[in-house]
Amino acid sequence: MAKRLVRIAWVAFWLCFSLSAHTSAESAQPSWEQLKPQQKEVLAPLAQEWNNLDAAKRKKWLGIAKRYPGMTPSEQHRTQLQMRDWYSLTPEQREIVREKYKTIKKLPPDKRDEIKQKWRGYGQRQEPGRGQVEGQAEAP
């Protein structure tokens, strides 16, 4: 359970700090059915949620899908995992993560940078074991 919460916190942190905020949301974004095949492939973890997302969130994810081909395979894999992890959270869990983000956002810039560095280091140490089931040991 603790590993899952840490992973969820990592996902939230990554989403909050690595994705640029989009201030101008278009009034209408495409429905799932209107997406191009490549977009559907990239955004597959969001398929069930897509039509319920607001325009700003759709725009954010479409931006990620546009950048996806230029990502390294490792970045692509991490992006897919993070999408899946975020949308596997319950609404209550997402709200807890958002509240933690708001708390971090209120910190002075030097403290935020310190936290970012710690999370980056933690994320790099955790990457190799990410796809494992909790409690399952890594292969030697």
N, C-alpha and C. Protein backbone atom coordinates (compact mmCIF):
# COMPACT_ATOMS: atom_id res chain seq x y z
N MET A 1 0.83 -1.20 0.00
CA MET A 1 0.00 0.00 0.00
C MET A 1 0.87 1.26 0.00
N ALA A 2 1.92 1.22 0.83
CA ALA A 2 2.79 2.40 0.91
C ALA A 2 3.49 2.65 -0.42
N LYS A 3 3.91 1.57 -1.10
CA LYS A 3 4.56 1.74 -2.40
C LYS A 3 3.60 2.36 -3.39
N ARG A 4 2.34 1.96 -3.34
CA ARG A 4 1.34 2.50 -4.27
C ARG A 4 1.13 3.99 -4.01
N LEU A 5 1.04 4.37 -2.74
CA LEU A 5 0.85 5.79 -2.40
C LEU A 5 2.06 6.61 -2.83
N VAL A 6 3.25 6.06 -2.65
CA VAL A 6 4.46 6.77 -3.09
C VAL A 6 4.43 6.93 -4.60
N ARG A 7 4.04 5.87 -5.30
CA ARG A 7 3.97 5.94 -6.76
C ARG A 7 2.93 6.95 -7.20
N ILE A 8 1.80 6.97 -6.53
CA ILE A 8 0.74 7.92 -6.85
C ILE A 8 1.21 9.35 -6.59
N ALA A 9 1.91 9.54 -5.47
CA ALA A 9 2.43 10.87 -5.17
C ALA A 9 3.43 11.30 -6.23
N TRP A 10 4.26 10.37 -6.69
CA TRP A 10 5.23 10.66 -7.75
C TRP A 10 4.51 11.09 -9.02
N VAL A 11 3.46 10.36 -9.38
CA VAL A 11 2.68 10.68 -10.57
C VAL A 11 2.12 12.09 -10.46
N ALA A 12 1.51 12.37 -9.33
CA ALA A 12 0.91 13.69 -9.13
C ALA A 12 1.96 14.78 -9.20
N PHE A 13 3.07 14.52 -8.56
CA PHE A 13 4.15 15.51 -8.57
C PHE A 13 4.62 15.77 -9.99
N TRP A 14 4.82 14.69 -10.74
CA TRP A 14 5.27 14.84 -12.13
C TRP A 14 4.25 15.63 -12.95
N LEU A 15 3.00 15.28 -12.81
CA LEU A 15 1.97 15.98 -13.56
C LEU A 15 1.94 17.47 -13.22
N CYS A 16 2.07 17.76 -11.95
CA CYS A 16 1.97 19.15 -11.51
C CYS A 16 3.17 19.98 -11.92
N PHE A 17 4.36 19.41 -11.91
CA PHE A 17 5.54 20.20 -12.17
C PHE A 17 6.09 20.08 -13.58
N SER A 18 5.78 19.02 -14.30
CA SER A 18 6.39 18.89 -15.62
C SER A 18 5.49 19.28 -16.78
N LEU A 19 4.22 19.37 -16.52
CA LEU A 19 3.30 19.75 -17.59
C LEU A 19 3.06 21.25 -17.52
N SER A 20 3.15 21.91 -18.64
CA SER A 20 2.90 23.35 -18.64
C SER A 20 1.41 23.61 -18.53
N ALA A 21 1.08 24.67 -17.84
CA ALA A 21 -0.32 25.03 -17.69
C ALA A 21 -0.80 25.72 -18.96
N HIS A 22 -1.99 25.40 -19.35
CA HIS A 22 -2.57 26.02 -20.53
C HIS A 22 -3.62 27.02 -20.06
N THR A 23 -3.37 28.30 -20.31
CA THR A 23 -4.27 29.31 -19.80
C THR A 23 -5.45 29.57 -20.72
N SER A 24 -5.29 29.36 -22.00
CA SER A 24 -6.41 29.62 -22.90
C SER A 24 -6.99 28.29 -23.39
N ALA A 25 -8.11 27.93 -22.83
CA ALA A 25 -8.75 26.67 -23.23
C ALA A 25 -9.70 26.93 -24.38
N GLU A 26 -9.64 26.05 -25.36
CA GLU A 26 -10.57 26.17 -26.48
C GLU A 26 -11.95 25.74 -26.00
N SER A 27 -12.98 26.27 -26.62
CA SER A 27 -14.34 25.96 -26.18
C SER A 27 -14.72 24.51 -26.43
N ALA A 28 -14.20 23.90 -27.48
CA ALA A 28 -14.54 22.52 -27.76
C ALA A 28 -13.29 21.75 -28.16
N GLN A 29 -13.11 20.61 -27.56
CA GLN A 29 -12.02 19.72 -27.91
C GLN A 29 -12.66 18.46 -28.48
N PRO A 30 -11.92 17.72 -29.29
CA PRO A 30 -12.52 16.55 -29.93
C PRO A 30 -12.94 15.47 -28.93
N SER A 31 -14.01 14.78 -29.29
CA SER A 31 -14.44 13.63 -28.50
C SER A 31 -13.47 12.49 -28.80
N TRP A 32 -13.56 11.40 -28.05
CA TRP A 32 -12.67 10.26 -28.28
C TRP A 32 -12.81 9.75 -29.71
N GLU A 33 -14.03 9.71 -30.20
CA GLU A 33 -14.30 9.20 -31.54
C GLU A 33 -13.66 10.08 -32.62
N GLN A 34 -13.46 11.35 -32.33
CA GLN A 34 -12.89 12.29 -33.30
C GLN A 34 -11.35 12.32 -33.30
N LEU A 35 -10.73 11.66 -32.35
CA LEU A 35 -9.27 11.67 -32.29
C LEU A 35 -8.68 10.87 -33.44
N LYS A 36 -7.48 11.24 -33.84
CA LYS A 36 -6.75 10.51 -34.87
C LYS A 36 -6.26 9.20 -34.27
N PRO A 37 -6.02 8.19 -35.11
CA PRO A 37 -5.55 6.89 -34.58
C PRO A 37 -4.28 7.01 -33.72
N GLN A 38 -3.34 7.84 -34.13
CA GLN A 38 -2.11 8.01 -33.34
C GLN A 38 -2.43 8.61 -31.97
N GLN A 39 -3.33 9.59 -31.92
CA GLN A 39 -3.73 10.19 -30.65
C GLN A 39 -4.40 9.15 -29.75
N LYS A 40 -5.26 8.33 -30.33
CA LYS A 40 -5.92 7.29 -29.55
C LYS A 40 -4.92 6.30 -28.97
N GLU A 41 -3.91 5.98 -29.76
CA GLU A 41 -2.89 5.04 -29.29
C GLU A 41 -2.14 5.61 -28.09
N VAL A 42 -1.72 6.86 -28.21
CA VAL A 42 -0.97 7.51 -27.14
C VAL A 42 -1.84 7.71 -25.90
N LEU A 43 -3.06 8.12 -26.12
CA LEU A 43 -3.96 8.47 -25.01
C LEU A 43 -4.84 7.30 -24.55
N ALA A 44 -4.51 6.10 -24.98
CA ALA A 44 -5.32 4.92 -24.65
C ALA A 44 -5.64 4.78 -23.16
N PRO A 45 -4.71 5.08 -22.23
CA PRO A 45 -5.07 4.96 -20.82
C PRO A 45 -6.23 5.88 -20.40
N LEU A 46 -6.51 6.88 -21.22
CA LEU A 46 -7.57 7.84 -20.88
C LEU A 46 -8.88 7.56 -21.63
N ALA A 47 -8.93 6.49 -22.38
CA ALA A 47 -10.08 6.22 -23.27
C ALA A 47 -11.41 6.30 -22.55
N GLN A 48 -11.53 5.67 -21.39
CA GLN A 48 -12.82 5.65 -20.69
C GLN A 48 -13.18 7.00 -20.09
N GLU A 49 -12.17 7.80 -19.77
CA GLU A 49 -12.39 9.10 -19.13
C GLU A 49 -12.52 10.24 -20.14
N TRP A 50 -12.00 10.06 -21.35
CA TRP A 50 -11.80 11.16 -22.28
C TRP A 50 -13.02 12.05 -22.47
N ASN A 51 -14.15 11.47 -22.76
CA ASN A 51 -15.33 12.29 -23.06
C ASN A 51 -15.87 13.02 -21.85
N ASN A 52 -15.40 12.67 -20.65
CA ASN A 52 -15.82 13.37 -19.43
C ASN A 52 -14.84 14.45 -19.00
N LEU A 53 -13.69 14.54 -19.67
CA LEU A 53 -12.69 15.56 -19.33
C LEU A 53 -13.14 16.92 -19.85
N ASP A 54 -12.78 17.96 -19.09
CA ASP A 54 -13.11 19.30 -19.58
C ASP A 54 -12.14 19.70 -20.69
N ALA A 55 -12.46 20.77 -21.39
CA ALA A 55 -11.69 21.20 -22.56
C ALA A 55 -10.23 21.48 -22.23
N ALA A 56 -9.96 22.08 -21.08
CA ALA A 56 -8.57 22.40 -20.72
C ALA A 56 -7.75 21.12 -20.54
N LYS A 57 -8.33 20.10 -19.91
CA LYS A 57 -7.60 18.85 -19.70
C LYS A 57 -7.40 18.11 -21.02
N ARG A 58 -8.40 18.14 -21.87
CA ARG A 58 -8.23 17.51 -23.19
C ARG A 58 -7.10 18.20 -23.95
N LYS A 59 -7.08 19.51 -23.89
CA LYS A 59 -6.05 20.25 -24.59
C LYS A 59 -4.66 19.90 -24.06
N LYS A 60 -4.54 19.77 -22.75
CA LYS A 60 -3.27 19.40 -22.13
C LYS A 60 -2.82 18.03 -22.64
N TRP A 61 -3.73 17.06 -22.62
CA TRP A 61 -3.38 15.70 -23.05
C TRP A 61 -3.10 15.64 -24.55
N LEU A 62 -3.79 16.44 -25.33
CA LEU A 62 -3.50 16.49 -26.77
C LEU A 62 -2.09 17.04 -27.02
N GLY A 63 -1.69 18.00 -26.18
CA GLY A 63 -0.33 18.53 -26.28
C GLY A 63 0.71 17.45 -25.98
N ILE A 64 0.42 16.63 -24.99
CA ILE A 64 1.32 15.53 -24.65
C ILE A 64 1.37 14.53 -25.81
N ALA A 65 0.21 14.23 -26.38
CA ALA A 65 0.16 13.29 -27.51
C ALA A 65 0.96 13.84 -28.69
N LYS A 66 0.94 15.13 -28.88
CA LYS A 66 1.70 15.75 -29.98
C LYS A 66 3.20 15.63 -29.74
N ARG A 67 3.63 15.78 -28.49
CA ARG A 67 5.06 15.68 -28.16
C ARG A 67 5.54 14.23 -28.05
N TYR A 68 4.62 13.31 -27.89
CA TYR A 68 4.94 11.91 -27.63
C TYR A 68 5.91 11.29 -28.63
N PRO A 69 5.72 11.47 -29.95
CA PRO A 69 6.66 10.85 -30.90
C PRO A 69 8.10 11.31 -30.73
N GLY A 70 8.31 12.52 -30.21
CA GLY A 70 9.66 13.03 -30.00
C GLY A 70 10.29 12.60 -28.69
N MET A 71 9.53 11.89 -27.86
CA MET A 71 10.06 11.42 -26.57
C MET A 71 10.91 10.18 -26.78
N THR A 72 11.82 9.97 -25.85
CA THR A 72 12.60 8.73 -25.86
C THR A 72 11.67 7.58 -25.47
N PRO A 73 12.02 6.35 -25.80
CA PRO A 73 11.18 5.22 -25.38
C PRO A 73 10.94 5.19 -23.87
N SER A 74 11.94 5.56 -23.10
CA SER A 74 11.80 5.60 -21.64
C SER A 74 10.76 6.65 -21.23
N GLU A 75 10.85 7.83 -21.84
CA GLU A 75 9.88 8.89 -21.54
C GLU A 75 8.47 8.48 -21.96
N GLN A 76 8.37 7.82 -23.10
CA GLN A 76 7.06 7.35 -23.57
C GLN A 76 6.47 6.35 -22.58
N HIS A 77 7.28 5.42 -22.13
CA HIS A 77 6.82 4.42 -21.18
C HIS A 77 6.37 5.08 -19.88
N ARG A 78 7.18 6.00 -19.38
CA ARG A 78 6.85 6.70 -18.13
C ARG A 78 5.56 7.49 -18.28
N THR A 79 5.38 8.14 -19.42
CA THR A 79 4.17 8.91 -19.67
C THR A 79 2.94 8.01 -19.64
N GLN A 80 3.03 6.85 -20.29
CA GLN A 80 1.92 5.91 -20.30
C GLN A 80 1.59 5.43 -18.88
N LEU A 81 2.63 5.10 -18.11
CA LEU A 81 2.41 4.66 -16.73
C LEU A 81 1.75 5.75 -15.89
N GLN A 82 2.20 6.97 -16.06
CA GLN A 82 1.67 8.06 -15.27
C GLN A 82 0.22 8.37 -15.63
N MET A 83 -0.11 8.28 -16.91
CA MET A 83 -1.51 8.46 -17.32
C MET A 83 -2.37 7.39 -16.67
N ARG A 84 -1.92 6.15 -16.78
CA ARG A 84 -2.69 5.04 -16.22
C ARG A 84 -2.84 5.17 -14.71
N ASP A 85 -1.74 5.52 -14.03
CA ASP A 85 -1.79 5.65 -12.57
C ASP A 85 -2.74 6.76 -12.14
N TRP A 86 -2.66 7.92 -12.80
CA TRP A 86 -3.51 9.04 -12.42
C TRP A 86 -4.98 8.70 -12.60
N TYR A 87 -5.31 8.11 -13.71
CA TYR A 87 -6.72 7.82 -13.97
C TYR A 87 -7.22 6.54 -13.30
N SER A 88 -6.33 5.84 -12.59
CA SER A 88 -6.78 4.71 -11.79
C SER A 88 -7.14 5.16 -10.37
N LEU A 89 -6.79 6.40 -10.04
CA LEU A 89 -7.13 6.93 -8.72
C LEU A 89 -8.63 7.22 -8.63
N THR A 90 -9.13 7.11 -7.42
CA THR A 90 -10.52 7.50 -7.19
C THR A 90 -10.57 9.03 -7.16
N PRO A 91 -11.74 9.61 -7.34
CA PRO A 91 -11.84 11.07 -7.23
C PRO A 91 -11.32 11.60 -5.89
N GLU A 92 -11.54 10.84 -4.82
CA GLU A 92 -11.07 11.27 -3.50
C GLU A 92 -9.54 11.28 -3.44
N GLN A 93 -8.92 10.25 -4.01
CA GLN A 93 -7.45 10.20 -4.03
C GLN A 93 -6.88 11.32 -4.87
N ARG A 94 -7.51 11.61 -5.98
CA ARG A 94 -7.04 12.72 -6.83
C ARG A 94 -7.13 14.04 -6.07
N GLU A 95 -8.19 14.21 -5.31
CA GLU A 95 -8.36 15.45 -4.54
C GLU A 95 -7.26 15.58 -3.49
N ILE A 96 -6.90 14.48 -2.84
CA ILE A 96 -5.82 14.51 -1.85
C ILE A 96 -4.52 14.93 -2.52
N VAL A 97 -4.25 14.38 -3.69
CA VAL A 97 -3.02 14.71 -4.42
C VAL A 97 -3.05 16.19 -4.82
N ARG A 98 -4.19 16.66 -5.28
CA ARG A 98 -4.29 18.08 -5.67
C ARG A 98 -4.03 19.00 -4.48
N GLU A 99 -4.56 18.62 -3.31
CA GLU A 99 -4.35 19.43 -2.11
C GLU A 99 -2.87 19.46 -1.73
N LYS A 100 -2.19 18.33 -1.86
CA LYS A 100 -0.76 18.29 -1.57
C LYS A 100 -0.01 19.18 -2.55
N TYR A 101 -0.44 19.17 -3.81
CA TYR A 101 0.19 20.02 -4.81
C TYR A 101 0.01 21.50 -4.43
N LYS A 102 -1.19 21.86 -4.00
CA LYS A 102 -1.44 23.25 -3.61
C LYS A 102 -0.53 23.66 -2.46
N THR A 103 -0.32 22.75 -1.53
CA THR A 103 0.56 23.03 -0.40
C THR A 103 1.99 23.26 -0.89
N ILE A 104 2.44 22.41 -1.79
CA ILE A 104 3.80 22.55 -2.33
C ILE A 104 3.93 23.84 -3.12
N LYS A 105 2.89 24.20 -3.86
CA LYS A 105 2.93 25.40 -4.69
C LYS A 105 3.08 26.67 -3.85
N LYS A 106 2.60 26.63 -2.60
CA LYS A 106 2.68 27.80 -1.71
C LYS A 106 4.07 27.97 -1.10
N LEU A 107 4.92 26.96 -1.21
CA LEU A 107 6.26 27.05 -0.64
C LEU A 107 7.12 28.04 -1.41
N PRO A 108 8.15 28.57 -0.77
CA PRO A 108 9.09 29.46 -1.48
C PRO A 108 9.78 28.69 -2.61
N PRO A 109 10.18 29.39 -3.67
CA PRO A 109 10.80 28.73 -4.83
C PRO A 109 11.97 27.82 -4.48
N ASP A 110 12.82 28.23 -3.54
CA ASP A 110 13.97 27.38 -3.21
C ASP A 110 13.53 26.06 -2.57
N LYS A 111 12.48 26.10 -1.75
CA LYS A 111 11.97 24.86 -1.14
C LYS A 111 11.32 23.97 -2.19
N ARG A 112 10.58 24.59 -3.15
CA ARG A 112 9.97 23.80 -4.23
C ARG A 112 11.06 23.13 -5.07
N ASP A 113 12.13 23.86 -5.37
CA ASP A 113 13.22 23.29 -6.15
C ASP A 113 13.88 22.13 -5.41
N GLU A 114 14.02 22.28 -4.11
CA GLU A 114 14.60 21.21 -3.30
C GLU A 114 13.72 19.95 -3.36
N ILE A 115 12.43 20.13 -3.26
CA ILE A 115 11.49 19.01 -3.33
C ILE A 115 11.55 18.38 -4.72
N LYS A 116 11.58 19.20 -5.77
CA LYS A 116 11.68 18.67 -7.14
C LYS A 116 12.90 17.79 -7.29
N GLN A 117 14.03 18.26 -6.79
CA GLN A 117 15.27 17.49 -6.92
C GLN A 117 15.17 16.16 -6.18
N LYS A 118 14.59 16.18 -4.99
CA LYS A 118 14.43 14.94 -4.22
C LYS A 118 13.53 13.97 -4.98
N TRP A 119 12.42 14.48 -5.54
CA TRP A 119 11.51 13.60 -6.27
C TRP A 119 12.14 13.05 -7.53
N ARG A 120 12.91 13.87 -8.21
CA ARG A 120 13.59 13.39 -9.42
C ARG A 120 14.55 12.26 -9.06
N GLY A 121 15.30 12.46 -8.00
CA GLY A 121 16.22 11.41 -7.56
C GLY A 121 15.48 10.16 -7.14
N TYR A 122 14.38 10.34 -6.43
CA TYR A 122 13.58 9.20 -6.00
C TYR A 122 12.99 8.47 -7.20
N GLY A 123 12.47 9.22 -8.15
CA GLY A 123 11.87 8.63 -9.34
C GLY A 123 12.87 7.84 -10.15
N GLN A 124 14.09 8.33 -10.25
CA GLN A 124 15.12 7.63 -11.00
C GLN A 124 15.49 6.33 -10.31
N ARG A 125 15.48 6.32 -8.99
CA ARG A 125 15.80 5.08 -8.26
C ARG A 125 14.66 4.08 -8.39
N GLN A 126 13.42 4.55 -8.53
CA GLN A 126 12.27 3.67 -8.55
C GLN A 126 11.90 3.15 -9.93
N GLU A 127 12.36 3.79 -11.00
CA GLU A 127 11.97 3.42 -12.37
C GLU A 127 12.10 1.93 -12.67
N PRO A 128 13.23 1.26 -12.36
CA PRO A 128 13.37 -0.14 -12.79
C PRO A 128 12.29 -1.07 -12.23
N GLY A 129 11.78 -0.84 -11.06
CA GLY A 129 10.80 -1.74 -10.47
C GLY A 129 9.36 -1.34 -10.68
N ARG A 130 9.11 -0.35 -11.48
CA ARG A 130 7.76 0.21 -11.57
C ARG A 130 6.69 -0.76 -12.02
N GLY A 131 6.91 -1.59 -12.97
CA GLY A 131 5.84 -2.41 -13.52
C GLY A 131 5.50 -3.61 -12.67
N GLN A 132 6.11 -3.77 -11.52
CA GLN A 132 5.91 -4.95 -10.72
C GLN A 132 4.66 -4.85 -9.86
N VAL A 133 4.12 -6.00 -9.56
CA VAL A 133 3.00 -6.09 -8.64
C VAL A 133 3.56 -5.88 -7.25
N GLU A 134 2.81 -5.16 -6.39
CA GLU A 134 3.25 -4.94 -5.03
C GLU A 134 3.57 -6.25 -4.35
N GLY A 135 4.68 -6.26 -3.62
CA GLY A 135 5.07 -7.45 -2.89
C GLY A 135 5.87 -8.44 -3.73
N GLN A 136 5.94 -8.23 -5.03
CA GLN A 136 6.68 -9.12 -5.91
C GLN A 136 8.13 -8.66 -5.94
N ALA A 137 9.05 -9.54 -5.70
CA ALA A 137 10.46 -9.19 -5.67
C ALA A 137 11.00 -9.06 -7.08
N GLU A 138 12.01 -8.19 -7.22
CA GLU A 138 12.66 -8.05 -8.53
C GLU A 138 13.44 -9.31 -8.83
N ALA A 139 13.52 -9.64 -10.09
CA ALA A 139 14.32 -10.79 -10.50
C ALA A 139 15.79 -10.46 -10.31
N PRO A 140 16.60 -11.44 -9.83
CA PRO A 140 18.03 -11.15 -9.60
C PRO A 140 18.78 -10.94 -10.88
